[in-house]
Amino acid sequence: MLTEFNFFGVFMAPIVVYAIAALPVTMLIRFVLWWSGIMKWFWHLALFEVALYTCVLCLMILYV
């Protein structure tokens, strides 16, 4: 169950913690995609990166 996180006396919503945790995961996936050359296949890179971050965030919310 999602509960609030206590960060030095400040209660934060779980979505904030998941959003911050999704950043390094997204960066790692982006690095692997750039290294393998798959990122060249996408027409609009910024749109793909936002969609990738959104997918990672949703998967973290569902399964973590």
N, C-alpha and C. Protein backbone atom coordinates (compact mmCIF):
# COMPACT_ATOMS: atom_id res chain seq x y z
N MET A 1 0.84 -1.18 0.00
CA MET A 1 0.00 0.00 0.00
C MET A 1 0.89 1.24 0.00
N LEU A 2 0.48 2.24 -0.76
CA LEU A 2 1.24 3.47 -0.85
C LEU A 2 0.97 4.33 0.37
N THR A 3 2.02 4.72 1.05
CA THR A 3 1.90 5.60 2.20
C THR A 3 2.84 6.79 2.01
N GLU A 4 2.66 7.79 2.82
CA GLU A 4 3.52 8.96 2.74
C GLU A 4 4.91 8.63 3.27
N PHE A 5 5.91 9.28 2.71
CA PHE A 5 7.29 9.10 3.14
C PHE A 5 7.71 10.28 4.00
N ASN A 6 8.38 9.98 5.10
CA ASN A 6 8.86 11.02 5.99
C ASN A 6 10.31 11.33 5.61
N PHE A 7 10.56 12.53 5.12
CA PHE A 7 11.89 12.95 4.72
C PHE A 7 12.31 14.12 5.60
N PHE A 8 13.00 13.81 6.69
CA PHE A 8 13.45 14.80 7.66
C PHE A 8 12.29 15.65 8.19
N GLY A 9 11.20 14.99 8.50
CA GLY A 9 10.05 15.67 9.07
C GLY A 9 9.07 16.22 8.06
N VAL A 10 9.38 16.10 6.78
CA VAL A 10 8.48 16.57 5.73
C VAL A 10 7.84 15.34 5.09
N PHE A 11 6.53 15.28 5.13
CA PHE A 11 5.83 14.16 4.52
C PHE A 11 5.66 14.42 3.02
N MET A 12 6.08 13.43 2.24
CA MET A 12 6.00 13.56 0.78
C MET A 12 5.10 12.46 0.23
N ALA A 13 4.38 12.79 -0.81
CA ALA A 13 3.52 11.82 -1.46
C ALA A 13 4.39 10.74 -2.12
N PRO A 14 3.90 9.54 -2.21
CA PRO A 14 4.70 8.46 -2.81
C PRO A 14 5.06 8.71 -4.27
N ILE A 15 4.23 9.46 -4.99
CA ILE A 15 4.52 9.72 -6.40
C ILE A 15 5.80 10.52 -6.57
N VAL A 16 6.12 11.37 -5.59
CA VAL A 16 7.36 12.16 -5.66
C VAL A 16 8.57 11.25 -5.54
N VAL A 17 8.51 10.32 -4.62
CA VAL A 17 9.63 9.39 -4.42
C VAL A 17 9.80 8.49 -5.64
N TYR A 18 8.68 8.00 -6.18
CA TYR A 18 8.77 7.16 -7.37
C TYR A 18 9.27 7.95 -8.58
N ALA A 19 8.87 9.20 -8.70
CA ALA A 19 9.32 10.03 -9.82
C ALA A 19 10.83 10.26 -9.75
N ILE A 20 11.35 10.48 -8.55
CA ILE A 20 12.79 10.66 -8.40
C ILE A 20 13.53 9.35 -8.64
N ALA A 21 12.96 8.24 -8.19
CA ALA A 21 13.61 6.94 -8.38
C ALA A 21 13.55 6.48 -9.84
N ALA A 22 12.58 6.96 -10.60
CA ALA A 22 12.46 6.56 -12.00
C ALA A 22 13.50 7.25 -12.89
N LEU A 23 14.05 8.37 -12.44
CA LEU A 23 15.04 9.09 -13.24
C LEU A 23 16.30 8.28 -13.53
N PRO A 24 16.98 7.69 -12.52
CA PRO A 24 18.18 6.93 -12.85
C PRO A 24 17.89 5.68 -13.68
N VAL A 25 16.73 5.07 -13.47
CA VAL A 25 16.37 3.89 -14.26
C VAL A 25 16.19 4.29 -15.72
N THR A 26 15.52 5.42 -15.95
CA THR A 26 15.33 5.91 -17.31
C THR A 26 16.66 6.29 -17.95
N MET A 27 17.54 6.92 -17.19
CA MET A 27 18.85 7.28 -17.72
C MET A 27 19.66 6.04 -18.10
N LEU A 28 19.57 5.00 -17.31
CA LEU A 28 20.27 3.76 -17.62
C LEU A 28 19.73 3.13 -18.90
N ILE A 29 18.41 3.10 -19.04
CA ILE A 29 17.80 2.55 -20.25
C ILE A 29 18.18 3.39 -21.47
N ARG A 30 18.19 4.71 -21.32
CA ARG A 30 18.60 5.59 -22.42
C ARG A 30 20.04 5.33 -22.83
N PHE A 31 20.93 5.15 -21.85
CA PHE A 31 22.33 4.87 -22.16
C PHE A 31 22.47 3.58 -22.95
N VAL A 32 21.74 2.55 -22.54
CA VAL A 32 21.81 1.27 -23.24
C VAL A 32 21.26 1.40 -24.66
N LEU A 33 20.19 2.16 -24.82
CA LEU A 33 19.61 2.35 -26.15
C LEU A 33 20.54 3.17 -27.05
N TRP A 34 21.22 4.19 -26.51
CA TRP A 34 22.18 4.95 -27.31
C TRP A 34 23.38 4.09 -27.68
N TRP A 35 23.85 3.30 -26.72
CA TRP A 35 25.02 2.47 -26.95
C TRP A 35 24.76 1.41 -28.02
N SER A 36 23.56 0.85 -28.02
CA SER A 36 23.22 -0.20 -28.99
C SER A 36 22.79 0.37 -30.34
N GLY A 37 22.53 1.66 -30.42
CA GLY A 37 22.14 2.28 -31.68
C GLY A 37 20.66 2.27 -31.96
N ILE A 38 19.87 1.84 -31.03
CA ILE A 38 18.42 1.75 -31.23
C ILE A 38 17.77 3.13 -31.22
N MET A 39 18.38 4.09 -30.54
CA MET A 39 17.78 5.43 -30.46
C MET A 39 17.72 6.12 -31.83
N LYS A 40 18.52 5.68 -32.78
CA LYS A 40 18.49 6.27 -34.12
C LYS A 40 17.21 5.92 -34.86
N TRP A 41 16.49 4.93 -34.42
CA TRP A 41 15.26 4.50 -35.09
C TRP A 41 14.08 5.42 -34.81
N PHE A 42 14.15 6.21 -33.75
CA PHE A 42 13.00 6.99 -33.34
C PHE A 42 13.01 8.35 -34.02
N TRP A 43 11.84 8.76 -34.47
CA TRP A 43 11.71 9.99 -35.21
C TRP A 43 11.81 11.21 -34.29
N HIS A 44 11.13 11.17 -33.16
CA HIS A 44 11.08 12.31 -32.25
C HIS A 44 11.67 11.87 -30.91
N LEU A 45 12.94 12.17 -30.69
CA LEU A 45 13.64 11.66 -29.51
C LEU A 45 13.07 12.19 -28.21
N ALA A 46 12.73 13.47 -28.16
CA ALA A 46 12.19 14.03 -26.93
C ALA A 46 10.86 13.38 -26.54
N LEU A 47 10.03 13.14 -27.52
CA LEU A 47 8.75 12.48 -27.25
C LEU A 47 8.97 11.05 -26.77
N PHE A 48 9.93 10.35 -27.38
CA PHE A 48 10.24 8.99 -26.94
C PHE A 48 10.78 8.98 -25.51
N GLU A 49 11.63 9.92 -25.17
CA GLU A 49 12.21 9.95 -23.83
C GLU A 49 11.15 10.25 -22.77
N VAL A 50 10.21 11.12 -23.07
CA VAL A 50 9.12 11.39 -22.13
C VAL A 50 8.24 10.16 -21.98
N ALA A 51 7.96 9.48 -23.09
CA ALA A 51 7.16 8.27 -23.03
C ALA A 51 7.89 7.17 -22.26
N LEU A 52 9.19 7.06 -22.46
CA LEU A 52 9.98 6.06 -21.73
C LEU A 52 9.95 6.34 -20.23
N TYR A 53 10.13 7.60 -19.84
CA TYR A 53 10.08 7.97 -18.43
C TYR A 53 8.71 7.67 -17.84
N THR A 54 7.66 7.99 -18.59
CA THR A 54 6.30 7.73 -18.11
C THR A 54 6.07 6.23 -17.92
N CYS A 55 6.54 5.43 -18.85
CA CYS A 55 6.39 3.97 -18.73
C CYS A 55 7.16 3.43 -17.53
N VAL A 56 8.37 3.91 -17.33
CA VAL A 56 9.17 3.46 -16.19
C VAL A 56 8.50 3.87 -14.89
N LEU A 57 8.00 5.09 -14.83
CA LEU A 57 7.32 5.57 -13.63
C LEU A 57 6.07 4.74 -13.33
N CYS A 58 5.27 4.48 -14.35
CA CYS A 58 4.06 3.67 -14.14
C CYS A 58 4.40 2.25 -13.70
N LEU A 59 5.43 1.65 -14.28
CA LEU A 59 5.82 0.31 -13.88
C LEU A 59 6.35 0.28 -12.44
N MET A 60 7.05 1.34 -12.04
CA MET A 60 7.53 1.39 -10.66
C MET A 60 6.37 1.54 -9.69
N ILE A 61 5.38 2.32 -10.05
CA ILE A 61 4.22 2.50 -9.18
C ILE A 61 3.45 1.19 -9.05
N LEU A 62 3.33 0.46 -10.15
CA LEU A 62 2.57 -0.78 -10.12
C LEU A 62 3.28 -1.91 -9.39
N TYR A 63 4.59 -2.03 -9.57
CA TYR A 63 5.29 -3.21 -9.11
C TYR A 63 6.26 -3.01 -7.95
N VAL A 64 6.47 -1.79 -7.51
CA VAL A 64 7.40 -1.57 -6.39
C VAL A 64 6.61 -1.24 -5.14
